[in-house]
Amino acid sequence: MIIGNGILAAAVRPYDREDILFFASGVSNSLEKNPAEFEREISLLTKATEEFPDKKLVYFSTCSIYDPTKKESPYVNHKLNAEKFITEHCKSFVIFRIGNAVGRGGNPNTLINFLKNSIVSGTQFTIHNNAKRILIGTDDIALFTKQYIDVLNNEIINLTYPYQYSLPEILFQLEQYLGKKAVFENIDEGSYYNIEFNPRTESFFTGISSEDYLRKLFSAYL
């Protein structure tokens, strides 16, 4: 059973099962500040877990909770609250803390969509040279979930391609893929946070280099 209709819901749809409750109806905008949006998700989550207490819950959280610069973020605090609710009220669950998800369509303000749209339109933007990001395609999220859902129980898993990309790295590969130069300026700012890559995700992505994974994301979703 799947709750939601966004890019994550679409990705897991081929692996839908009656004994699994995929909760993919969360707040998608990490910059969201409207309390009503967060309350809506918690209310829907509460209703779903009460209505289907015997299904294993799969919830998609965020690796941004490790980012010290976002500890005051309403979005991050909301995700932590949702995780707390799940661990306290669900008898069977898996929480996937995912990196920056790359999918077909979706929020135009996500990193890859923003960079792509800026390059295509010729809009100037700024990149922080010291910033790094972790990425994962939505199809990989779904396939990993399908592959491990029966062996994971009451666990929280960091799910992302196990590499921290610098913004210049991402931008260079995107320019190559689009065949167009970006109009931007570099500033010597930015930061990144340490994250523990899960051994299962490292095994899942064995054999694909960081450059090849970027190319795979661009060709699959752009």
Protein backbone atom coordinates (compact mmCIF):
# COMPACT_ATOMS: atom_id res chain seq x y z
CA MET A 1 0.00 0.00 0.00
CA ILE A 2 1.30 3.43 -0.95
CA ILE A 3 0.29 6.76 0.54
CA GLY A 4 1.37 9.68 -1.62
CA ASN A 5 1.60 10.66 -5.28
CA GLY A 6 4.99 12.39 -5.61
CA ILE A 7 8.26 11.19 -7.13
CA LEU A 8 9.00 8.71 -4.33
CA ALA A 9 5.50 7.24 -4.47
CA ALA A 10 5.86 6.80 -8.23
CA ALA A 11 9.26 5.13 -7.80
CA VAL A 12 8.07 2.49 -5.29
CA ARG A 13 4.81 1.75 -7.11
CA PRO A 14 6.25 -1.25 -9.04
CA TYR A 15 7.14 -2.84 -5.69
CA ASP A 16 3.87 -2.20 -3.90
CA ARG A 17 2.81 -4.96 -1.48
CA GLU A 18 -0.21 -5.49 0.74
CA ASP A 19 1.89 -6.14 3.83
CA ILE A 20 3.96 -2.94 3.44
CA LEU A 21 2.78 0.62 4.03
CA PHE A 22 4.91 3.00 1.99
CA PHE A 23 4.41 6.45 3.46
CA ALA A 24 5.53 8.77 0.65
CA SER A 25 3.28 11.74 1.29
CA GLY A 26 5.66 13.92 3.26
CA VAL A 27 6.49 17.60 2.92
CA SER A 28 8.70 17.75 -0.17
CA ASN A 29 10.08 21.26 0.20
CA SER A 30 12.99 21.35 2.66
CA LEU A 31 12.56 25.13 2.90
CA GLU A 32 8.95 24.83 4.04
CA LYS A 33 8.10 26.84 7.16
CA ASN A 34 4.31 26.65 7.28
CA PRO A 35 3.35 24.66 10.43
CA ALA A 36 0.12 23.56 8.75
CA GLU A 37 2.07 21.55 6.17
CA PHE A 38 3.97 19.65 8.86
CA GLU A 39 0.81 19.11 10.91
CA ARG A 40 -0.90 17.69 7.82
CA GLU A 41 1.81 15.07 7.40
CA ILE A 42 1.83 14.06 11.07
CA SER A 43 -1.96 13.81 11.04
CA LEU A 44 -1.90 11.62 7.93
CA LEU A 45 0.91 9.50 9.39
CA THR A 46 -1.02 9.03 12.64
CA LYS A 47 -4.18 8.04 10.79
CA ALA A 48 -2.34 5.58 8.53
CA THR A 49 -0.53 3.81 11.37
CA GLU A 50 -3.73 3.54 13.40
CA GLU A 51 -5.69 2.19 10.44
CA PHE A 52 -3.01 -0.32 9.37
CA PRO A 53 -1.16 -1.32 12.56
CA ASP A 54 -0.08 -4.72 11.20
CA LYS A 55 1.66 -3.44 8.08
CA LYS A 56 5.39 -2.72 8.09
CA LEU A 57 5.81 1.04 7.70
CA VAL A 58 8.40 2.42 5.29
CA TYR A 59 9.06 6.10 5.93
CA PHE A 60 11.33 8.43 4.00
CA SER A 61 13.22 10.89 6.18
CA THR A 62 16.30 12.98 5.38
CA CYS A 63 20.06 12.89 5.88
CA SER A 64 19.85 16.65 6.49
CA ILE A 65 19.32 15.88 10.16
CA TYR A 66 23.11 15.44 10.37
CA ASP A 67 23.74 18.95 9.04
CA PRO A 68 24.63 21.22 12.01
CA THR A 69 23.62 24.30 10.00
CA LYS A 70 20.07 22.99 9.76
CA LYS A 71 19.41 22.06 13.38
CA GLU A 72 16.93 24.93 13.65
CA SER A 73 15.25 24.09 10.33
CA PRO A 74 11.49 23.50 10.71
CA TYR A 75 11.74 20.79 8.05
CA VAL A 76 14.51 18.89 9.83
CA ASN A 77 12.79 19.18 13.22
CA HIS A 78 9.59 17.94 11.64
CA LYS A 79 11.35 14.88 10.21
CA LEU A 80 12.85 14.12 13.63
CA ASN A 81 9.40 14.42 15.19
CA ALA A 82 7.98 12.03 12.59
CA GLU A 83 10.79 9.55 13.25
CA LYS A 84 10.14 9.75 17.00
CA PHE A 85 6.44 9.09 16.48
CA ILE A 86 7.18 6.06 14.32
CA THR A 87 9.72 4.50 16.69
CA GLU A 88 7.31 4.94 19.61
CA HIS A 89 4.06 3.85 17.96
CA CYS A 90 4.84 1.37 15.17
CA LYS A 91 5.63 -2.25 15.94
CA SER A 92 7.34 -2.78 12.57
CA PHE A 93 9.04 -0.06 10.54
CA VAL A 94 12.01 0.97 8.43
CA ILE A 95 13.04 4.62 8.25
CA PHE A 96 15.21 5.58 5.29
CA ARG A 97 17.13 8.81 5.75
CA ILE A 98 17.79 9.72 2.16
CA GLY A 99 20.23 12.12 0.51
CA ASN A 100 19.24 14.71 -2.08
CA ALA A 101 16.74 12.73 -4.13
CA VAL A 102 16.90 13.08 -7.90
CA GLY A 103 13.78 12.07 -9.80
CA ARG A 104 11.62 12.80 -12.80
CA GLY A 105 10.04 16.20 -12.35
CA GLY A 106 9.38 17.06 -8.74
CA ASN A 107 10.29 20.21 -6.87
CA PRO A 108 12.00 22.71 -9.24
CA ASN A 109 14.01 24.02 -6.28
CA THR A 110 15.92 20.79 -5.67
CA LEU A 111 19.62 21.11 -6.39
CA ILE A 112 19.80 19.27 -9.72
CA ASN A 113 16.57 20.77 -11.06
CA PHE A 114 17.71 24.26 -10.07
CA LEU A 115 21.11 23.88 -11.73
CA LYS A 116 19.63 22.35 -14.88
CA ASN A 117 16.96 25.02 -15.25
CA SER A 118 19.50 27.79 -14.64
CA ILE A 119 21.87 26.44 -17.30
CA VAL A 120 19.13 25.89 -19.88
CA SER A 121 17.67 29.39 -19.34
CA GLY A 122 21.07 31.10 -19.11
CA THR A 123 20.25 32.48 -15.67
CA GLN A 124 23.24 33.50 -13.59
CA PHE A 125 23.67 31.93 -10.19
CA THR A 126 26.25 31.50 -7.43
CA ILE A 127 27.89 28.29 -6.23
CA HIS A 128 29.74 27.72 -2.98
CA ASN A 129 33.05 26.03 -3.70
CA ASN A 130 33.31 24.37 -0.29
CA ALA A 131 29.81 22.88 -0.26
CA LYS A 132 29.24 19.17 -0.81
CA ARG A 133 26.07 17.20 -1.43
CA ILE A 134 24.98 13.55 -1.31
CA LEU A 135 22.70 12.32 -4.08
CA ILE A 136 20.54 9.33 -4.92
CA GLY A 137 18.11 8.57 -7.72
CA THR A 138 14.53 7.76 -6.78
CA ASP A 139 14.66 4.49 -8.73
CA ASP A 140 17.64 3.42 -6.62
CA ILE A 141 15.72 4.30 -3.46
CA ALA A 142 12.87 2.07 -4.64
CA LEU A 143 15.11 -0.79 -5.76
CA PHE A 144 17.13 -0.75 -2.52
CA THR A 145 13.88 -0.78 -0.54
CA LYS A 146 12.56 -3.73 -2.53
CA GLN A 147 15.84 -5.63 -2.13
CA TYR A 148 16.17 -5.22 1.65
CA ILE A 149 12.68 -4.63 3.00
CA ASP A 150 12.27 -8.19 4.26
CA VAL A 151 15.56 -8.25 6.19
CA LEU A 152 15.25 -4.81 7.76
CA ASN A 153 13.02 -4.28 10.76
CA ASN A 154 12.79 -1.42 13.24
CA GLU A 155 15.88 0.18 11.76
CA ILE A 156 16.96 3.62 10.56
CA ILE A 157 19.12 3.47 7.43
CA ASN A 158 21.12 6.22 5.72
CA LEU A 159 20.27 5.71 2.06
CA THR A 160 22.38 7.62 -0.47
CA TYR A 161 25.11 7.07 -3.02
CA PRO A 162 28.19 6.82 -0.74
CA TYR A 163 30.11 9.87 -1.93
CA GLN A 164 30.08 13.58 -1.16
CA TYR A 165 29.96 15.61 -4.37
CA SER A 166 31.37 19.13 -4.47
CA LEU A 167 29.17 21.62 -6.29
CA PRO A 168 31.85 22.29 -8.93
CA GLU A 169 31.96 18.52 -9.62
CA ILE A 170 28.21 18.37 -10.11
CA LEU A 171 28.15 21.51 -12.23
CA PHE A 172 30.97 20.37 -14.52
CA GLN A 173 29.28 17.05 -15.27
CA LEU A 174 25.93 18.77 -15.80
CA GLU A 175 27.45 21.20 -18.28
CA GLN A 176 28.93 18.26 -20.16
CA TYR A 177 25.59 16.46 -20.22
CA LEU A 178 23.57 19.49 -21.35
CA GLY A 179 26.22 20.68 -23.79
CA LYS A 180 25.95 24.21 -22.48
CA LYS A 181 28.06 26.33 -20.17
CA ALA A 182 26.57 27.70 -16.98
CA VAL A 183 26.60 31.39 -16.14
CA PHE A 184 27.75 31.53 -12.54
CA GLU A 185 30.17 32.93 -10.03
CA ASN A 186 32.18 31.02 -7.43
CA ILE A 187 32.49 32.14 -3.86
CA ASP A 188 34.79 30.56 -1.31
CA GLU A 189 32.03 29.55 1.07
CA GLY A 190 29.92 26.54 1.88
CA SER A 191 30.16 23.55 4.16
CA TYR A 192 29.27 19.89 4.40
CA TYR A 193 28.51 17.44 7.14
CA ASN A 194 29.89 14.02 7.93
CA ILE A 195 27.61 11.08 7.37
CA GLU A 196 28.07 7.39 8.03
CA PHE A 197 27.46 5.48 4.83
CA ASN A 198 25.60 2.26 5.45
CA PRO A 199 27.48 -0.96 4.50
CA ARG A 200 24.43 -2.18 2.60
CA THR A 201 24.32 0.97 0.47
CA GLU A 202 28.05 0.74 -0.18
CA SER A 203 27.52 -2.83 -1.38
CA PHE A 204 24.45 -1.82 -3.40
CA PHE A 205 26.46 0.75 -5.38
CA THR A 206 29.63 -1.32 -5.77
CA GLY A 207 31.20 -0.97 -9.21
CA ILE A 208 29.86 2.44 -10.20
CA SER A 209 32.19 5.43 -9.93
CA SER A 210 31.09 8.82 -8.66
CA GLU A 211 31.36 10.33 -12.16
CA ASP A 212 29.40 7.46 -13.72
CA TYR A 213 26.70 7.79 -11.09
CA LEU A 214 26.21 11.46 -11.93
CA ARG A 215 25.93 10.59 -15.61
CA LYS A 216 23.40 7.89 -14.74
CA LEU A 217 21.29 10.37 -12.77
CA PHE A 218 21.33 12.95 -15.54
CA SER A 219 20.48 10.48 -18.31
CA ALA A 220 17.74 8.81 -16.28
CA TYR A 221 15.97 11.87 -14.89
CA LEU A 222 16.79 14.94 -16.97
